[in-house]
Amino acid sequence: MRQVSLREFRTRGSKALGNVPQGETVLLAGQQGPAFFLVPVLGDVALEDRELRRAMARASLWQYARLAEQYPITDEEIDQEIDAVRTARLARQKNRKS
């Protein structure tokens, strides 16, 4: 996922997205951090939905870390947290089915 500043996006529009590969989700970030996602609609919708949810989780964790004064949080730490939540969710679902 690429990140583009809101300022650049507002002033340069499509040129700001010129280096983004087709089909990739873009995170628009302002001075206060992540603000919006640009999500392409093409190809496998399920895959795009998963990427969108992962991007939203990353933004939420980034904001949480900022509010908890643990900023900056690394991408690796965010991915570890997302994976831990997914693992716990799958374990709960498995236990419910048993």
C-alpha atoms as a PDB file:
ATOM      1  CA  MET A   1       0.000   0.000   0.000  1.00  0.00           C
ATOM      2  CA  ARG A   2       1.339   3.400  -0.970  1.00  0.00           C
ATOM      3  CA  GLN A   3       0.952   6.548   1.084  1.00  0.00           C
ATOM      4  CA  VAL A   4       0.298   9.938  -0.495  1.00  0.00           C
ATOM      5  CA  SER A   5      -0.011  13.197   1.403  1.00  0.00           C
ATOM      6  CA  LEU A   6      -3.384  14.904   1.341  1.00  0.00           C
ATOM      7  CA  ARG A   7      -1.707  18.121   0.308  1.00  0.00           C
ATOM      8  CA  GLU A   8      -0.038  16.492  -2.695  1.00  0.00           C
ATOM      9  CA  PHE A   9      -3.272  14.746  -3.652  1.00  0.00           C
ATOM     10  CA  ARG A  10      -5.264  17.984  -3.438  1.00  0.00           C
ATOM     11  CA  THR A  11      -2.772  19.982  -5.486  1.00  0.00           C
ATOM     12  CA  ARG A  12      -1.644  17.393  -8.037  1.00  0.00           C
ATOM     13  CA  GLY A  13      -4.595  14.999  -8.162  1.00  0.00           C
ATOM     14  CA  SER A  14      -4.021  12.130 -10.567  1.00  0.00           C
ATOM     15  CA  LYS A  15      -0.326  13.015 -10.962  1.00  0.00           C
ATOM     16  CA  ALA A  16       0.144  12.269  -7.262  1.00  0.00           C
ATOM     17  CA  LEU A  17      -1.128   8.761  -7.959  1.00  0.00           C
ATOM     18  CA  GLY A  18       1.016   8.285 -11.066  1.00  0.00           C
ATOM     19  CA  ASN A  19       3.617   6.092  -9.320  1.00  0.00           C
ATOM     20  CA  VAL A  20       1.034   3.853  -7.677  1.00  0.00           C
ATOM     21  CA  PRO A  21       0.676   0.468  -9.395  1.00  0.00           C
ATOM     22  CA  GLN A  22      -2.760  -0.201 -10.855  1.00  0.00           C
ATOM     23  CA  GLY A  23      -5.039  -1.889  -8.359  1.00  0.00           C
ATOM     24  CA  GLU A  24      -3.106  -0.890  -5.237  1.00  0.00           C
ATOM     25  CA  THR A  25      -4.848   0.713  -2.258  1.00  0.00           C
ATOM     26  CA  VAL A  26      -3.572   4.189  -1.409  1.00  0.00           C
ATOM     27  CA  LEU A  27      -3.484   5.716   2.061  1.00  0.00           C
ATOM     28  CA  LEU A  28      -3.987   9.482   2.083  1.00  0.00           C
ATOM     29  CA  ALA A  29      -2.305  11.010   5.114  1.00  0.00           C
ATOM     30  CA  GLY A  30      -2.424  14.509   6.522  1.00  0.00           C
ATOM     31  CA  GLN A  31      -0.376  16.196   9.198  1.00  0.00           C
ATOM     32  CA  GLN A  32      -2.339  14.347  11.875  1.00  0.00           C
ATOM     33  CA  GLY A  33      -1.747  10.933  10.282  1.00  0.00           C
ATOM     34  CA  PRO A  34      -3.851   8.612   8.112  1.00  0.00           C
ATOM     35  CA  ALA A  35      -7.062  10.205   6.895  1.00  0.00           C
ATOM     36  CA  PHE A  36      -8.543   8.364   3.883  1.00  0.00           C
ATOM     37  CA  PHE A  37      -8.136   5.258   1.752  1.00  0.00           C
ATOM     38  CA  LEU A  38      -8.456   5.173  -2.010  1.00  0.00           C
ATOM     39  CA  VAL A  39      -9.508   1.665  -2.889  1.00  0.00           C
ATOM     40  CA  PRO A  40      -9.647   0.521  -6.522  1.00  0.00           C
ATOM     41  CA  VAL A  41     -12.653  -1.498  -7.586  1.00  0.00           C
ATOM     42  CA  LEU A  42     -11.479  -4.115 -10.046  1.00  0.00           C
ATOM     43  CA  GLY A  43     -10.498  -7.745 -10.007  1.00  0.00           C
ATOM     44  CA  ASP A  44     -11.160  -9.988  -7.013  1.00  0.00           C
ATOM     45  CA  VAL A  45     -13.513  -8.121  -4.668  1.00  0.00           C
ATOM     46  CA  ALA A  46     -12.819 -10.527  -1.775  1.00  0.00           C
ATOM     47  CA  LEU A  47      -9.076  -9.851  -2.003  1.00  0.00           C
ATOM     48  CA  GLU A  48      -9.693  -6.111  -2.175  1.00  0.00           C
ATOM     49  CA  ASP A  49     -11.982  -6.330   0.857  1.00  0.00           C
ATOM     50  CA  ARG A  50      -9.262  -8.103   2.842  1.00  0.00           C
ATOM     51  CA  GLU A  51      -6.696  -5.474   1.868  1.00  0.00           C
ATOM     52  CA  LEU A  52      -9.119  -2.701   2.786  1.00  0.00           C
ATOM     53  CA  ARG A  53      -9.812  -4.234   6.188  1.00  0.00           C
ATOM     54  CA  ARG A  54      -6.079  -4.649   6.781  1.00  0.00           C
ATOM     55  CA  ALA A  55      -5.502  -1.013   5.818  1.00  0.00           C
ATOM     56  CA  MET A  56      -8.267   0.137   8.177  1.00  0.00           C
ATOM     57  CA  ALA A  57      -6.791  -1.956  10.979  1.00  0.00           C
ATOM     58  CA  ARG A  58      -3.364  -0.444  10.328  1.00  0.00           C
ATOM     59  CA  ALA A  59      -4.819   3.072  10.498  1.00  0.00           C
ATOM     60  CA  SER A  60      -6.700   2.281  13.706  1.00  0.00           C
ATOM     61  CA  LEU A  61      -3.614   0.824  15.354  1.00  0.00           C
ATOM     62  CA  TRP A  62      -1.543   3.794  14.245  1.00  0.00           C
ATOM     63  CA  GLN A  63      -4.093   6.171  15.806  1.00  0.00           C
ATOM     64  CA  TYR A  64      -4.323   4.076  18.993  1.00  0.00           C
ATOM     65  CA  ALA A  65      -0.536   4.057  19.361  1.00  0.00           C
ATOM     66  CA  ARG A  66      -0.464   7.814  18.836  1.00  0.00           C
ATOM     67  CA  LEU A  67      -3.099   8.402  21.527  1.00  0.00           C
ATOM     68  CA  ALA A  68      -1.300   6.014  23.897  1.00  0.00           C
ATOM     69  CA  GLU A  69       1.909   7.986  23.255  1.00  0.00           C
ATOM     70  CA  GLN A  70       3.602   4.892  21.846  1.00  0.00           C
ATOM     71  CA  TYR A  71       4.099   6.607  18.520  1.00  0.00           C
ATOM     72  CA  PRO A  72       5.762   5.934  16.179  1.00  0.00           C
ATOM     73  CA  ILE A  73       4.651   2.342  15.792  1.00  0.00           C
ATOM     74  CA  THR A  74       6.432   0.350  13.121  1.00  0.00           C
ATOM     75  CA  ASP A  75       4.764  -1.459  10.237  1.00  0.00           C
ATOM     76  CA  GLU A  76       6.111  -4.729  11.644  1.00  0.00           C
ATOM     77  CA  GLU A  77       4.471  -4.081  15.025  1.00  0.00           C
ATOM     78  CA  ILE A  78       1.181  -3.247  13.314  1.00  0.00           C
ATOM     79  CA  ASP A  79       1.319  -6.438  11.224  1.00  0.00           C
ATOM     80  CA  GLN A  80       2.099  -8.502  14.337  1.00  0.00           C
ATOM     81  CA  GLU A  81      -0.904  -7.016  16.143  1.00  0.00           C
ATOM     82  CA  ILE A  82      -3.207  -7.683  13.187  1.00  0.00           C
ATOM     83  CA  ASP A  83      -1.975 -11.278  12.921  1.00  0.00           C
ATOM     84  CA  ALA A  84      -2.473 -11.812  16.679  1.00  0.00           C
ATOM     85  CA  VAL A  85      -6.070 -10.541  16.500  1.00  0.00           C
ATOM     86  CA  ARG A  86      -6.816 -12.732  13.478  1.00  0.00           C
ATOM     87  CA  THR A  87      -5.337 -15.790  15.216  1.00  0.00           C
ATOM     88  CA  ALA A  88      -7.436 -15.156  18.326  1.00  0.00           C
ATOM     89  CA  ARG A  89     -10.578 -14.642  16.227  1.00  0.00           C
ATOM     90  CA  LEU A  90     -10.022 -17.902  14.327  1.00  0.00           C
ATOM     91  CA  ALA A  91      -9.447 -19.760  17.610  1.00  0.00           C
ATOM     92  CA  ARG A  92     -12.733 -18.406  19.029  1.00  0.00           C
ATOM     93  CA  GLN A  93     -14.603 -19.438  15.873  1.00  0.00           C
ATOM     94  CA  LYS A  94     -13.083 -22.903  16.020  1.00  0.00           C
ATOM     95  CA  ASN A  95     -14.066 -23.299  19.687  1.00  0.00           C
ATOM     96  CA  ARG A  96     -17.650 -22.268  18.943  1.00  0.00           C
ATOM     97  CA  LYS A  97     -17.943 -24.930  16.256  1.00  0.00           C
ATOM     98  CA  SER A  98     -16.610 -27.648  18.570  1.00  0.00           C
END
